[in-house]
């Protein structure tokens, strides 16, 4: 087995964590504070997942600026029946916006998704 030490970028200076390190620490603390929500996010086919739970999770993750986790949430539950129409509508909306030369900000995309979950 190779005994080389692996240097993780940004972790060498313990007294001065990077912006990404701070974001990761904040995220891990959020998971510690909200283990039930984290379970919902990571468990495909969970019996408690429905459009209302999905909407609430997306809104809470957006409030915390955990945008990557919104993508993870959507991918973990991509086979849920209630998301089928959301994905199809979002695809159509994004194609239409692109065709018109519009660029949607992440906040608008999140709002569009949560609107479709009502």
N, C-alpha and C. Protein backbone atom coordinates (compact mmCIF):
# COMPACT_ATOMS: atom_id res chain seq x y z
N UNK A 1 0.84 -1.18 0.00
CA UNK A 1 0.00 0.00 0.00
C UNK A 1 0.88 1.24 0.00
N UNK A 2 0.52 2.23 -0.73
CA UNK A 2 1.28 3.46 -0.85
C UNK A 2 1.08 4.33 0.40
N UNK A 3 2.17 4.74 1.04
CA UNK A 3 2.08 5.52 2.27
C UNK A 3 2.22 7.02 2.02
N UNK A 4 2.04 7.46 0.80
CA UNK A 4 2.13 8.89 0.51
C UNK A 4 0.97 9.63 1.16
N UNK A 5 1.26 10.80 1.67
CA UNK A 5 0.21 11.64 2.23
C UNK A 5 -0.51 12.36 1.11
N UNK A 6 -1.79 12.43 1.23
CA UNK A 6 -2.61 13.13 0.24
C UNK A 6 -2.84 14.54 0.75
N UNK A 7 -2.45 15.51 -0.03
CA UNK A 7 -2.66 16.91 0.33
C UNK A 7 -3.96 17.39 -0.32
N UNK A 8 -4.88 17.81 0.52
CA UNK A 8 -6.14 18.33 0.01
C UNK A 8 -5.99 19.82 -0.13
N UNK A 9 -6.30 20.32 -1.31
CA UNK A 9 -6.17 21.75 -1.58
C UNK A 9 -7.00 22.55 -0.59
N UNK A 10 -6.38 23.55 0.00
CA UNK A 10 -7.09 24.45 0.90
C UNK A 10 -7.08 24.00 2.35
N UNK A 11 -6.60 22.79 2.62
CA UNK A 11 -6.65 22.30 3.99
C UNK A 11 -5.31 22.41 4.70
N UNK A 12 -4.29 22.89 4.02
CA UNK A 12 -2.96 22.96 4.62
C UNK A 12 -2.81 24.04 5.66
N UNK A 13 -3.56 25.09 5.60
CA UNK A 13 -3.44 26.21 6.53
C UNK A 13 -4.61 26.19 7.48
N UNK A 14 -4.41 25.54 8.64
CA UNK A 14 -5.51 25.36 9.59
C UNK A 14 -6.01 26.67 10.17
N UNK A 15 -5.15 27.67 10.26
CA UNK A 15 -5.55 28.94 10.85
C UNK A 15 -6.34 29.82 9.91
N UNK A 16 -6.36 29.47 8.64
CA UNK A 16 -7.02 30.32 7.65
C UNK A 16 -7.78 29.46 6.64
N UNK A 17 -8.96 28.95 7.03
CA UNK A 17 -9.72 28.10 6.10
C UNK A 17 -10.17 28.88 4.87
N UNK A 18 -10.25 28.17 3.77
CA UNK A 18 -10.70 28.80 2.53
C UNK A 18 -12.20 29.05 2.59
N UNK A 19 -12.70 29.80 1.63
CA UNK A 19 -14.14 30.06 1.53
C UNK A 19 -14.89 28.74 1.36
N UNK A 20 -14.35 27.85 0.56
CA UNK A 20 -14.98 26.55 0.33
C UNK A 20 -15.00 25.72 1.61
N UNK A 21 -13.87 25.78 2.37
CA UNK A 21 -13.82 25.06 3.64
C UNK A 21 -14.91 25.56 4.58
N UNK A 22 -15.08 26.87 4.66
CA UNK A 22 -16.10 27.46 5.53
C UNK A 22 -17.51 27.01 5.10
N UNK A 23 -17.73 26.97 3.79
CA UNK A 23 -19.03 26.54 3.26
C UNK A 23 -19.29 25.07 3.63
N UNK A 24 -18.25 24.24 3.50
CA UNK A 24 -18.38 22.83 3.83
C UNK A 24 -18.66 22.64 5.31
N UNK A 25 -17.96 23.36 6.16
CA UNK A 25 -18.17 23.28 7.60
C UNK A 25 -19.60 23.70 7.94
N UNK A 26 -20.07 24.77 7.33
CA UNK A 26 -21.43 25.25 7.57
C UNK A 26 -22.45 24.19 7.13
N UNK A 27 -22.18 23.57 5.99
CA UNK A 27 -23.07 22.52 5.49
C UNK A 27 -23.10 21.32 6.42
N UNK A 28 -21.95 20.88 6.89
CA UNK A 28 -21.89 19.73 7.79
C UNK A 28 -22.58 20.04 9.12
N UNK A 29 -22.47 21.25 9.59
CA UNK A 29 -23.20 21.65 10.80
C UNK A 29 -24.70 21.64 10.55
N UNK A 30 -25.11 22.05 9.35
CA UNK A 30 -26.53 22.03 9.00
C UNK A 30 -27.05 20.59 9.03
N UNK A 31 -26.27 19.67 8.48
CA UNK A 31 -26.67 18.25 8.50
C UNK A 31 -26.80 17.77 9.94
N UNK A 32 -25.86 18.14 10.80
CA UNK A 32 -25.91 17.74 12.20
C UNK A 32 -27.17 18.28 12.88
N UNK A 33 -27.56 19.50 12.52
CA UNK A 33 -28.75 20.13 13.12
C UNK A 33 -30.06 19.60 12.53
N UNK A 34 -29.99 19.09 11.30
CA UNK A 34 -31.21 18.66 10.60
C UNK A 34 -31.06 17.25 10.02
N UNK A 35 -30.79 16.24 10.86
CA UNK A 35 -30.57 14.89 10.32
C UNK A 35 -31.80 14.33 9.60
N UNK A 36 -32.99 14.70 10.05
CA UNK A 36 -34.21 14.21 9.39
C UNK A 36 -34.35 14.76 7.98
N UNK A 37 -34.03 16.03 7.82
CA UNK A 37 -34.09 16.63 6.47
C UNK A 37 -33.03 16.01 5.57
N UNK A 38 -31.84 15.79 6.13
CA UNK A 38 -30.77 15.18 5.35
C UNK A 38 -31.18 13.77 4.90
N UNK A 39 -31.85 13.04 5.79
CA UNK A 39 -32.34 11.71 5.44
C UNK A 39 -33.34 11.82 4.28
N UNK A 40 -34.23 12.78 4.34
CA UNK A 40 -35.21 12.98 3.25
C UNK A 40 -34.49 13.28 1.94
N UNK A 41 -33.48 14.11 2.00
CA UNK A 41 -32.76 14.50 0.79
C UNK A 41 -32.09 13.28 0.15
N UNK A 42 -31.51 12.42 0.97
CA UNK A 42 -30.65 11.34 0.46
C UNK A 42 -31.33 9.99 0.26
N UNK A 43 -32.62 9.88 0.56
CA UNK A 43 -33.27 8.58 0.52
C UNK A 43 -34.29 8.51 -0.61
N UNK A 44 -33.90 7.89 -1.73
CA UNK A 44 -34.86 7.76 -2.83
C UNK A 44 -36.01 6.84 -2.44
N UNK A 45 -37.20 7.17 -2.92
CA UNK A 45 -38.36 6.35 -2.66
C UNK A 45 -38.90 6.47 -1.24
N UNK A 46 -38.42 7.45 -0.49
CA UNK A 46 -38.89 7.64 0.89
C UNK A 46 -40.39 7.90 0.88
N UNK A 47 -41.12 7.21 1.75
CA UNK A 47 -42.58 7.32 1.77
C UNK A 47 -43.09 8.70 2.16
N UNK A 48 -42.26 9.51 2.81
CA UNK A 48 -42.68 10.84 3.23
C UNK A 48 -42.38 11.92 2.20
N UNK A 49 -41.71 11.54 1.12
CA UNK A 49 -41.36 12.53 0.10
C UNK A 49 -42.55 12.74 -0.82
N UNK A 50 -42.98 13.98 -0.92
CA UNK A 50 -44.05 14.36 -1.83
C UNK A 50 -43.75 15.77 -2.32
N UNK A 51 -44.63 16.33 -3.11
CA UNK A 51 -44.33 17.64 -3.68
C UNK A 51 -44.21 18.72 -2.61
N UNK A 52 -44.97 18.61 -1.52
CA UNK A 52 -44.87 19.61 -0.45
C UNK A 52 -43.53 19.52 0.27
N UNK A 53 -43.08 18.30 0.57
CA UNK A 53 -41.78 18.10 1.22
C UNK A 53 -40.66 18.58 0.30
N UNK A 54 -40.75 18.25 -0.99
CA UNK A 54 -39.74 18.67 -1.96
C UNK A 54 -39.66 20.19 -2.01
N UNK A 55 -40.78 20.84 -2.07
CA UNK A 55 -40.82 22.30 -2.12
C UNK A 55 -40.18 22.90 -0.87
N UNK A 56 -40.53 22.38 0.29
CA UNK A 56 -39.98 22.88 1.55
C UNK A 56 -38.47 22.69 1.59
N UNK A 57 -38.00 21.52 1.17
CA UNK A 57 -36.56 21.25 1.17
C UNK A 57 -35.82 22.20 0.23
N UNK A 58 -36.35 22.40 -0.96
CA UNK A 58 -35.71 23.30 -1.92
C UNK A 58 -35.65 24.72 -1.35
N UNK A 59 -36.73 25.17 -0.74
CA UNK A 59 -36.74 26.52 -0.18
C UNK A 59 -35.74 26.65 0.96
N UNK A 60 -35.64 25.65 1.82
CA UNK A 60 -34.69 25.71 2.94
C UNK A 60 -33.26 25.65 2.46
N UNK A 61 -32.99 24.79 1.48
CA UNK A 61 -31.64 24.70 0.94
C UNK A 61 -31.25 25.99 0.24
N UNK A 62 -32.18 26.59 -0.49
CA UNK A 62 -31.90 27.85 -1.18
C UNK A 62 -31.63 28.96 -0.17
N UNK A 63 -32.40 28.99 0.91
CA UNK A 63 -32.20 30.01 1.95
C UNK A 63 -30.78 29.91 2.53
N UNK A 64 -30.29 28.70 2.66
CA UNK A 64 -28.94 28.47 3.18
C UNK A 64 -27.87 28.58 2.09
N UNK A 65 -28.28 28.77 0.85
CA UNK A 65 -27.40 28.84 -0.31
C UNK A 65 -26.66 27.52 -0.56
N UNK A 66 -27.34 26.40 -0.29
CA UNK A 66 -26.80 25.07 -0.57
C UNK A 66 -27.33 24.62 -1.93
N UNK A 67 -26.98 25.35 -2.97
CA UNK A 67 -27.53 25.12 -4.30
C UNK A 67 -27.13 23.77 -4.88
N UNK A 68 -25.92 23.31 -4.59
CA UNK A 68 -25.48 22.01 -5.10
C UNK A 68 -26.36 20.90 -4.56
N UNK A 69 -26.81 21.06 -3.32
CA UNK A 69 -27.61 20.03 -2.69
C UNK A 69 -29.02 20.01 -3.28
N UNK A 70 -29.50 21.14 -3.78
CA UNK A 70 -30.80 21.14 -4.48
C UNK A 70 -30.70 20.23 -5.70
N UNK A 71 -29.59 20.32 -6.42
CA UNK A 71 -29.39 19.45 -7.58
C UNK A 71 -29.34 17.99 -7.13
N UNK A 72 -28.62 17.70 -6.04
CA UNK A 72 -28.56 16.34 -5.51
C UNK A 72 -29.96 15.86 -5.14
N UNK A 73 -30.73 16.69 -4.45
CA UNK A 73 -32.10 16.35 -4.06
C UNK A 73 -32.94 15.97 -5.28
N UNK A 74 -32.87 16.80 -6.31
CA UNK A 74 -33.66 16.53 -7.52
C UNK A 74 -33.21 15.24 -8.21
N UNK A 75 -31.91 14.97 -8.22
CA UNK A 75 -31.42 13.76 -8.86
C UNK A 75 -31.74 12.50 -8.05
N UNK A 76 -31.64 12.59 -6.73
CA UNK A 76 -31.96 11.43 -5.89
C UNK A 76 -33.42 11.03 -6.07
N UNK A 77 -34.30 12.02 -6.24
CA UNK A 77 -35.74 11.74 -6.33
C UNK A 77 -36.28 11.90 -7.75
N UNK A 78 -35.40 11.80 -8.72
CA UNK A 78 -35.79 12.03 -10.12
C UNK A 78 -36.87 11.08 -10.62
N UNK A 79 -36.99 9.91 -10.01
CA UNK A 79 -38.00 8.94 -10.45
C UNK A 79 -39.35 9.10 -9.75
N UNK A 80 -39.45 10.07 -8.85
CA UNK A 80 -40.72 10.30 -8.16
C UNK A 80 -41.75 10.78 -9.17
N UNK A 81 -42.94 10.23 -9.10
CA UNK A 81 -44.00 10.58 -10.05
C UNK A 81 -44.28 12.08 -10.09
N UNK A 82 -44.28 12.71 -8.93
CA UNK A 82 -44.64 14.13 -8.88
C UNK A 82 -43.58 15.03 -9.51
N UNK A 83 -42.37 14.52 -9.75
CA UNK A 83 -41.33 15.35 -10.38
C UNK A 83 -41.34 15.27 -11.90
N UNK A 84 -42.00 14.31 -12.46
CA UNK A 84 -41.99 14.12 -13.91
C UNK A 84 -42.45 15.39 -14.64
N UNK A 85 -43.59 15.91 -14.25
CA UNK A 85 -44.11 17.10 -14.93
C UNK A 85 -43.23 18.33 -14.64
N UNK A 86 -42.63 18.37 -13.44
CA UNK A 86 -41.73 19.49 -13.11
C UNK A 86 -40.54 19.49 -14.05
N UNK A 87 -39.91 18.34 -14.23
CA UNK A 87 -38.74 18.26 -15.12
C UNK A 87 -39.12 18.61 -16.57
N UNK A 88 -40.24 18.09 -17.03
CA UNK A 88 -40.65 18.37 -18.41
C UNK A 88 -40.95 19.85 -18.61
N UNK A 89 -41.65 20.46 -17.66
CA UNK A 89 -41.97 21.87 -17.77
C UNK A 89 -40.71 22.73 -17.68
N UNK A 90 -39.81 22.39 -16.75
CA UNK A 90 -38.57 23.16 -16.61
C UNK A 90 -37.72 23.08 -17.87
N UNK A 91 -37.65 21.91 -18.47
CA UNK A 91 -36.90 21.76 -19.71
C UNK A 91 -37.48 22.66 -20.79
N UNK A 92 -38.79 22.63 -20.94
CA UNK A 92 -39.45 23.48 -21.93
C UNK A 92 -39.20 24.96 -21.64
N UNK A 93 -39.32 25.36 -20.38
CA UNK A 93 -39.09 26.76 -19.99
C UNK A 93 -37.65 27.19 -20.27
N UNK A 94 -36.69 26.31 -20.00
CA UNK A 94 -35.28 26.65 -20.23
C UNK A 94 -34.98 26.75 -21.73
N UNK A 95 -35.57 25.86 -22.51
CA UNK A 95 -35.40 25.94 -23.97
C UNK A 95 -35.99 27.24 -24.49
N UNK A 96 -37.19 27.56 -24.04
CA UNK A 96 -37.84 28.80 -24.46
C UNK A 96 -37.02 30.02 -24.06
N UNK A 97 -36.54 30.05 -22.83
CA UNK A 97 -35.74 31.19 -22.36
C UNK A 97 -34.46 31.31 -23.18
N UNK A 98 -33.82 30.19 -23.45
CA UNK A 98 -32.60 30.21 -24.26
C UNK A 98 -32.86 30.69 -25.67
N UNK A 99 -33.97 30.26 -26.21
CA UNK A 99 -34.33 30.65 -27.57
C UNK A 99 -34.54 32.16 -27.65
N UNK A 100 -35.10 32.72 -26.58
CA UNK A 100 -35.36 34.15 -26.55
C UNK A 100 -34.13 34.94 -26.10
N UNK A 101 -33.03 34.25 -25.79
CA UNK A 101 -31.81 34.92 -25.38
C UNK A 101 -31.82 35.37 -23.93
N UNK A 102 -32.73 34.81 -23.14
CA UNK A 102 -32.82 35.16 -21.73
C UNK A 102 -31.89 34.28 -20.90
N UNK A 103 -31.37 34.85 -19.86
CA UNK A 103 -30.56 34.09 -18.92
C UNK A 103 -31.24 34.19 -17.57
N UNK A 104 -31.61 33.05 -17.02
CA UNK A 104 -32.26 33.04 -15.72
C UNK A 104 -31.21 32.88 -14.63
N UNK A 105 -31.38 33.65 -13.58
CA UNK A 105 -30.50 33.55 -12.41
C UNK A 105 -30.94 32.35 -11.58
N UNK A 106 -30.04 31.86 -10.76
CA UNK A 106 -30.35 30.67 -9.96
C UNK A 106 -31.58 30.89 -9.07
N UNK A 107 -31.76 32.10 -8.56
CA UNK A 107 -32.91 32.38 -7.73
C UNK A 107 -34.22 32.22 -8.51
N UNK A 108 -34.21 32.63 -9.77
CA UNK A 108 -35.40 32.51 -10.60
C UNK A 108 -35.68 31.05 -10.95
N UNK A 109 -34.62 30.28 -11.20
CA UNK A 109 -34.79 28.86 -11.49
C UNK A 109 -35.38 28.15 -10.27
N UNK A 110 -34.88 28.46 -9.09
CA UNK A 110 -35.41 27.85 -7.87
C UNK A 110 -36.87 28.24 -7.66
N UNK A 111 -37.19 29.50 -7.91
CA UNK A 111 -38.57 29.96 -7.78
C UNK A 111 -39.48 29.22 -8.78
N UNK A 112 -38.99 29.05 -9.99
CA UNK A 112 -39.77 28.32 -11.01
C UNK A 112 -40.04 26.89 -10.56
N UNK A 113 -39.03 26.23 -10.02
CA UNK A 113 -39.20 24.84 -9.57
C UNK A 113 -40.22 24.78 -8.44
N UNK A 114 -40.07 25.65 -7.44
CA UNK A 114 -41.00 25.60 -6.30
C UNK A 114 -42.41 25.97 -6.74
N UNK A 115 -42.54 26.87 -7.70
CA UNK A 115 -43.88 27.20 -8.22
C UNK A 115 -44.52 25.99 -8.88
N UNK A 116 -43.73 25.19 -9.57
CA UNK A 116 -44.26 24.01 -10.24
C UNK A 116 -44.64 22.91 -9.25
N UNK A 117 -44.16 23.01 -8.02
CA UNK A 117 -44.44 22.01 -7.00
C UNK A 117 -45.68 22.38 -6.17
N UNK A 118 -46.51 23.27 -6.69
CA UNK A 118 -47.72 23.63 -5.94
C UNK A 118 -48.94 23.08 -6.63
